[in-house]
Amino acid sequence: MKNARNKKTGILALLGLAGGALAYWKYKNLTPEEKANMKAKIKNTGDKLKEGVSDVENSISEKYEQLKTSVQK
């Protein structure tokens, strides 16, 4: 049982390394314009993610304050 789990973990690790190597090779072969586009997309996605986290944080804070107020009453 333990040996089968180790084999699966090893295979997944090799697949992860192969995927990373392929991504690195593809990135190195992109034109400067394509690299700039990719960086812009990554930055845009990061900005959207930060905005989403901020919205969730604000929503949780509002719910906490409402709950705190109702408990105090």
Protein backbone atom coordinates (compact mmCIF):
# COMPACT_ATOMS: atom_id res chain seq x y z
CA MET A 1 0.00 0.00 0.00
CA LYS A 2 2.74 2.42 0.99
CA ASN A 3 4.81 1.51 -2.09
CA ALA A 4 1.90 2.23 -4.46
CA ARG A 5 1.41 5.65 -2.88
CA ASN A 6 5.11 6.42 -3.30
CA LYS A 7 4.94 5.44 -6.97
CA LYS A 8 1.93 7.71 -7.55
CA THR A 9 3.67 10.56 -5.76
CA GLY A 10 6.81 10.02 -7.82
CA ILE A 11 4.87 9.97 -11.08
CA LEU A 12 3.01 13.15 -10.14
CA ALA A 13 6.31 14.84 -9.25
CA LEU A 14 7.82 13.86 -12.60
CA LEU A 15 4.75 15.13 -14.45
CA GLY A 16 4.98 18.41 -12.55
CA LEU A 17 8.65 18.79 -13.45
CA ALA A 18 7.98 17.95 -17.08
CA GLY A 19 5.14 20.48 -17.21
CA GLY A 20 7.35 23.14 -15.66
CA ALA A 21 10.16 22.41 -18.09
CA LEU A 22 7.77 22.61 -21.04
CA ALA A 23 6.33 25.92 -19.82
CA TYR A 24 9.84 27.32 -19.34
CA TRP A 25 10.91 26.22 -22.83
CA LYS A 26 7.77 27.69 -24.42
CA TYR A 27 8.25 30.99 -22.55
CA LYS A 28 11.88 31.22 -23.66
CA ASN A 29 10.78 30.81 -27.30
CA LEU A 30 8.12 33.55 -27.20
CA THR A 31 8.66 36.82 -29.00
CA PRO A 32 9.14 39.94 -26.85
CA GLU A 33 5.60 41.05 -27.77
CA GLU A 34 4.12 37.72 -26.72
CA LYS A 35 6.06 37.87 -23.44
CA ALA A 36 4.72 41.38 -22.79
CA ASN A 37 1.15 40.18 -23.51
CA MET A 38 1.58 37.24 -21.15
CA LYS A 39 2.94 39.47 -18.38
CA ALA A 40 0.02 41.88 -18.87
CA LYS A 41 -2.49 39.01 -18.61
CA ILE A 42 -0.81 37.73 -15.44
CA LYS A 43 -0.83 41.21 -13.90
CA ASN A 44 -4.50 41.70 -14.84
CA THR A 45 -5.41 38.35 -13.31
CA GLY A 46 -3.50 39.24 -10.15
CA ASP A 47 -5.31 42.56 -9.89
CA LYS A 48 -8.70 40.85 -10.29
CA LEU A 49 -7.75 38.30 -7.64
CA LYS A 50 -6.70 41.02 -5.19
CA GLU A 51 -9.97 42.86 -5.85
CA GLY A 52 -11.98 39.69 -5.24
CA VAL A 53 -10.15 38.98 -1.99
CA SER A 54 -10.75 42.55 -0.87
CA ASP A 55 -14.47 42.23 -1.64
CA VAL A 56 -14.70 38.99 0.35
CA GLU A 57 -12.79 40.54 3.24
CA ASN A 58 -15.14 43.54 3.31
CA SER A 59 -18.19 41.29 3.17
CA ILE A 60 -16.91 39.17 6.05
CA SER A 61 -16.16 42.29 8.10
CA GLU A 62 -19.69 43.61 7.50
CA LYS A 63 -21.25 40.28 8.51
CA TYR A 64 -19.06 40.16 11.63
CA GLU A 65 -20.12 43.65 12.67
CA GLN A 66 -23.79 42.80 12.09
CA LEU A 67 -23.45 39.65 14.16
CA LYS A 68 -21.60 41.50 16.92
CA THR A 69 -24.32 44.18 17.00
CA SER A 70 -27.13 41.62 17.14
CA VAL A 71 -25.40 39.69 19.95
CA GLN A 72 -24.97 42.88 21.98
CA LYS A 73 -28.70 43.62 21.70
